[in-house]
Amino acid sequence: MLIVFGKASSINVRKVLWCCDELNLPFQREDWGSGFQSTQVPEFLALNPNALVPVIDDDGFVLWESNSIIRYLANRYGNDSFYPRHPQARACTDQWMDWQATNLNNSWSYAFMSLVRNSPTHQDPQQVAASVANWNRHIGILEQRLQATGAYVAGDRFTLADIPIGLSINRWLATPLERPDYPAVSAYFQRLTERPGFSRHGNNGTA
C-alpha cells in the first residue's frame, strides 16, 4: 500500500491526499512534521535529506517534492482526463503547476508568515503590504485565466493542476487580508468545493 509521510494539515501533504482521493487510491498516512514526529531524525532523513514533508513510499519507491509526487501518482494511476498525455495539453497543465510552485508561492511568503504564522521576523509593515499586493496581483493573473477558460485552470475540465492551485486559493481566502473582488476565482473555488476530495483534504487548513 502507498504510504504518505506528513501531517494532514500541511498544504503540500494535502496536495497528495487530495490527489489520492481523485484517483480512488488507498493509502496509509503517518504523522510527521511540526507537532508530530521530527523530520530531523535519521529514519526520516533517509527518506528525504531535506527533512520536509510530504514523502511517499509506493511499494518501495520513495519520492519527495509534492508536485513531483502528484505527477507520479497521476502518471501511474490516473487517466488522460486527469493528467493529459497529449504534449500540448500536458504542458499547459504543468505550466500552471510550476507557476503555483514558483511565482505564486513567492508572492505570498512574507505576508503569510506575518499574518498567519505570526513570525516575529516577518513584521515589517511595508514588506507585509508589498507581499499582500503582490499576492493579490498574482491571484489577478489567475482571475484572467479563469475568465478565459470559464471553468478550470488548464481548460474546461478538472485536471491535476487544479489541486495545487485550489489549495493556494484556499490559503489566500483563509489569510486575514484585504482582497480584490475576483468573481471568476470565486466561482472556480465554489466548483472545487463540490468535489469530495477537496471537501476532505482541500478546504481544511492553511498550514
Protein backbone atom coordinates (compact mmCIF):
# COMPACT_ATOMS: atom_id res chain seq x y z
CA MET A 1 0.00 0.00 0.00
CA LEU A 2 1.05 3.57 -0.65
CA ILE A 3 2.43 5.26 2.47
CA VAL A 4 2.26 9.05 2.81
CA PHE A 5 4.59 10.62 5.35
CA GLY A 6 3.40 14.01 6.63
CA LYS A 7 0.85 15.73 8.84
CA ALA A 8 -2.59 16.22 7.31
CA SER A 9 -2.65 19.98 7.94
CA SER A 10 0.36 20.65 5.69
CA ILE A 11 -0.65 22.28 2.39
CA ASN A 12 1.84 20.13 0.48
CA VAL A 13 0.70 16.92 2.16
CA ARG A 14 -2.88 17.87 1.35
CA LYS A 15 -1.93 18.01 -2.34
CA VAL A 16 -1.03 14.34 -2.15
CA LEU A 17 -4.09 13.34 -0.13
CA TRP A 18 -6.46 15.16 -2.49
CA CYS A 19 -4.73 13.59 -5.48
CA CYS A 20 -5.12 10.12 -3.96
CA ASP A 21 -8.81 10.85 -3.40
CA GLU A 22 -9.31 11.85 -7.05
CA LEU A 23 -7.60 8.62 -8.11
CA ASN A 24 -9.54 6.45 -5.62
CA LEU A 25 -6.13 5.34 -4.44
CA PRO A 26 -5.94 3.81 -0.96
CA PHE A 27 -3.09 4.95 1.24
CA GLN A 28 -1.74 4.85 4.77
CA ARG A 29 -0.61 8.15 6.29
CA GLU A 30 1.91 8.70 9.07
CA ASP A 31 2.13 11.95 11.05
CA TRP A 32 5.48 13.65 10.54
CA GLY A 33 6.39 17.32 10.87
CA SER A 34 5.92 20.13 13.37
CA GLY A 35 3.93 18.89 16.36
CA PHE A 36 4.44 15.24 15.42
CA GLN A 37 7.41 13.00 14.69
CA SER A 38 10.51 15.06 13.91
CA THR A 39 11.69 15.07 10.30
CA GLN A 40 15.26 15.62 11.56
CA VAL A 41 15.73 12.06 12.78
CA PRO A 42 17.91 9.67 10.73
CA GLU A 43 14.91 7.50 9.90
CA PHE A 44 13.18 10.36 8.08
CA LEU A 45 16.33 11.90 6.62
CA ALA A 46 16.98 8.57 4.92
CA LEU A 47 13.70 9.15 3.05
CA ASN A 48 14.20 12.87 2.37
CA PRO A 49 17.52 14.57 3.17
CA ASN A 50 15.71 17.94 3.02
CA ALA A 51 13.73 16.98 6.16
CA LEU A 52 10.46 18.12 4.56
CA VAL A 53 7.05 16.55 4.09
CA PRO A 54 5.46 15.01 2.12
CA VAL A 55 7.29 11.85 1.20
CA ILE A 56 5.69 8.75 -0.29
CA ASP A 57 6.70 5.10 -0.32
CA ASP A 58 4.92 3.28 -3.12
CA ASP A 59 5.90 -0.37 -2.74
CA GLY A 60 9.50 0.59 -2.08
CA PHE A 61 9.66 3.55 -4.47
CA VAL A 62 10.41 6.61 -2.33
CA LEU A 63 9.71 10.10 -3.67
CA TRP A 64 9.66 13.63 -2.24
CA GLU A 65 8.60 17.07 -3.56
CA SER A 66 4.82 17.43 -3.60
CA ASN A 67 4.35 18.34 -7.27
CA SER A 68 6.65 15.50 -8.33
CA ILE A 69 4.66 13.14 -6.14
CA ILE A 70 1.26 14.05 -7.57
CA ARG A 71 2.62 13.93 -11.13
CA TYR A 72 3.97 10.46 -10.44
CA LEU A 73 0.68 9.26 -8.95
CA ALA A 74 -1.32 10.72 -11.84
CA ASN A 75 1.04 9.09 -14.35
CA ARG A 76 0.87 5.71 -12.68
CA TYR A 77 -2.74 5.56 -11.54
CA GLY A 78 -4.63 8.29 -13.43
CA ASN A 79 -6.16 8.75 -16.85
CA ASP A 80 -5.86 11.14 -19.77
CA SER A 81 -8.61 13.39 -18.46
CA PHE A 82 -6.91 13.97 -15.12
CA TYR A 83 -3.36 14.43 -16.41
CA PRO A 84 -3.46 14.78 -20.22
CA ARG A 85 -0.96 12.79 -22.25
CA HIS A 86 -1.12 15.00 -25.33
CA PRO A 87 2.11 17.06 -25.21
CA GLN A 88 0.46 20.48 -25.50
CA ALA A 89 -2.34 19.72 -23.04
CA ARG A 90 0.14 18.28 -20.56
CA ALA A 91 2.46 21.26 -20.98
CA CYS A 92 -0.42 23.61 -20.13
CA THR A 93 -1.22 21.59 -17.01
CA ASP A 94 2.43 21.56 -15.97
CA GLN A 95 2.76 25.28 -16.68
CA TRP A 96 0.15 26.21 -14.08
CA MET A 97 1.54 23.75 -11.54
CA ASP A 98 5.00 25.25 -11.95
CA TRP A 99 3.59 28.79 -11.78
CA GLN A 100 1.96 27.92 -8.48
CA ALA A 101 5.18 26.48 -7.08
CA THR A 102 7.33 29.44 -8.12
CA ASN A 103 5.69 32.78 -8.93
CA LEU A 104 2.56 32.42 -6.80
CA ASN A 105 4.28 30.88 -3.79
CA ASN A 106 7.00 33.51 -3.78
CA SER A 107 4.40 36.28 -3.79
CA TRP A 108 2.68 35.34 -0.52
CA SER A 109 5.58 34.11 1.59
CA TYR A 110 6.20 37.21 3.71
CA ALA A 111 2.52 38.06 4.23
CA PHE A 112 1.62 34.51 5.21
CA MET A 113 4.47 34.23 7.68
CA SER A 114 3.38 37.51 9.25
CA LEU A 115 -0.42 37.25 9.21
CA VAL A 116 -0.91 33.52 9.80
CA ARG A 117 2.26 32.19 11.37
CA ASN A 118 2.86 35.40 13.40
CA SER A 119 6.57 35.10 12.77
CA PRO A 120 8.45 37.78 14.75
CA THR A 121 10.92 38.18 11.89
CA HIS A 122 8.15 38.97 9.37
CA GLN A 123 6.50 42.01 10.96
CA ASP A 124 7.75 44.89 8.82
CA PRO A 125 4.52 46.71 7.77
CA GLN A 126 5.92 47.83 4.42
CA GLN A 127 7.05 44.33 3.49
CA VAL A 128 3.72 42.88 4.60
CA ALA A 129 1.85 45.39 2.45
CA ALA A 130 4.12 44.71 -0.52
CA SER A 131 3.64 40.95 -0.16
CA VAL A 132 -0.14 41.29 0.11
CA ALA A 133 -0.22 43.49 -3.01
CA ASN A 134 1.96 41.02 -4.91
CA TRP A 135 -0.18 38.10 -3.75
CA ASN A 136 -3.37 39.82 -4.90
CA ARG A 137 -1.72 40.67 -8.22
CA HIS A 138 -0.88 37.04 -8.84
CA ILE A 139 -4.41 35.95 -7.97
CA GLY A 140 -5.45 38.56 -10.54
CA ILE A 141 -3.44 36.62 -13.14
CA LEU A 142 -5.43 33.54 -12.18
CA GLU A 143 -8.65 35.58 -12.43
CA GLN A 144 -7.81 36.45 -16.05
CA ARG A 145 -7.06 32.83 -16.84
CA LEU A 146 -10.29 31.57 -15.31
CA GLN A 147 -12.29 34.22 -17.16
CA ALA A 148 -10.77 32.85 -20.36
CA THR A 149 -11.42 29.17 -19.64
CA GLY A 150 -14.76 29.65 -17.88
CA ALA A 151 -14.07 26.58 -15.79
CA TYR A 152 -10.69 25.26 -14.64
CA VAL A 153 -7.12 26.47 -14.76
CA ALA A 154 -5.96 24.25 -17.64
CA GLY A 155 -9.20 24.38 -19.62
CA ASP A 156 -12.79 23.22 -19.47
CA ARG A 157 -12.21 20.20 -17.23
CA PHE A 158 -10.66 19.47 -13.86
CA THR A 159 -7.02 18.36 -14.06
CA LEU A 160 -4.08 17.72 -11.80
CA ALA A 161 -3.18 21.42 -11.96
CA ASP A 162 -6.32 22.36 -10.05
CA ILE A 163 -5.05 20.63 -6.92
CA PRO A 164 -2.11 22.96 -6.12
CA ILE A 165 -3.99 25.97 -7.49
CA GLY A 166 -7.10 25.16 -5.45
CA LEU A 167 -5.10 24.79 -2.26
CA SER A 168 -3.41 28.12 -2.96
CA ILE A 169 -6.81 29.81 -3.33
CA ASN A 170 -7.89 28.25 -0.04
CA ARG A 171 -4.80 29.72 1.65
CA TRP A 172 -5.42 33.16 0.10
CA LEU A 173 -9.05 33.19 1.26
CA ALA A 174 -8.16 31.99 4.76
CA THR A 175 -5.49 34.62 5.36
CA PRO A 176 -6.71 37.83 7.07
CA LEU A 177 -6.04 40.44 4.39
CA GLU A 178 -7.96 42.76 2.07
CA ARG A 179 -8.74 41.07 -1.23
CA PRO A 180 -9.99 42.44 -4.55
CA ASP A 181 -13.25 41.10 -5.93
CA TYR A 182 -12.32 38.32 -8.33
CA PRO A 183 -15.61 36.76 -9.49
CA ALA A 184 -14.03 34.08 -11.70
CA VAL A 185 -11.79 32.94 -8.83
CA SER A 186 -14.81 32.84 -6.50
CA ALA A 187 -16.82 30.75 -8.99
CA TYR A 188 -13.83 28.45 -9.50
CA PHE A 189 -13.42 27.94 -5.77
CA GLN A 190 -17.12 27.10 -5.48
CA ARG A 191 -16.72 24.45 -8.20
CA LEU A 192 -13.83 22.94 -6.29
CA THR A 193 -15.82 22.76 -3.03
CA GLU A 194 -18.25 20.43 -4.79
CA ARG A 195 -15.54 17.80 -5.22
CA PRO A 196 -15.46 15.24 -2.38
CA GLY A 197 -11.65 15.18 -2.39
CA PHE A 198 -11.48 18.92 -1.88
CA SER A 199 -14.01 18.75 0.96
CA ARG A 200 -11.91 16.11 2.69
CA HIS A 201 -8.41 17.43 2.05
CA GLY A 202 -8.53 20.87 0.44
CA ASN A 203 -10.68 23.26 2.39
CA ASN A 204 -9.48 22.36 5.85
CA GLY A 205 -6.36 24.26 6.75
CA THR A 206 -3.76 26.87 5.88
CA ALA A 207 -0.54 25.34 7.25
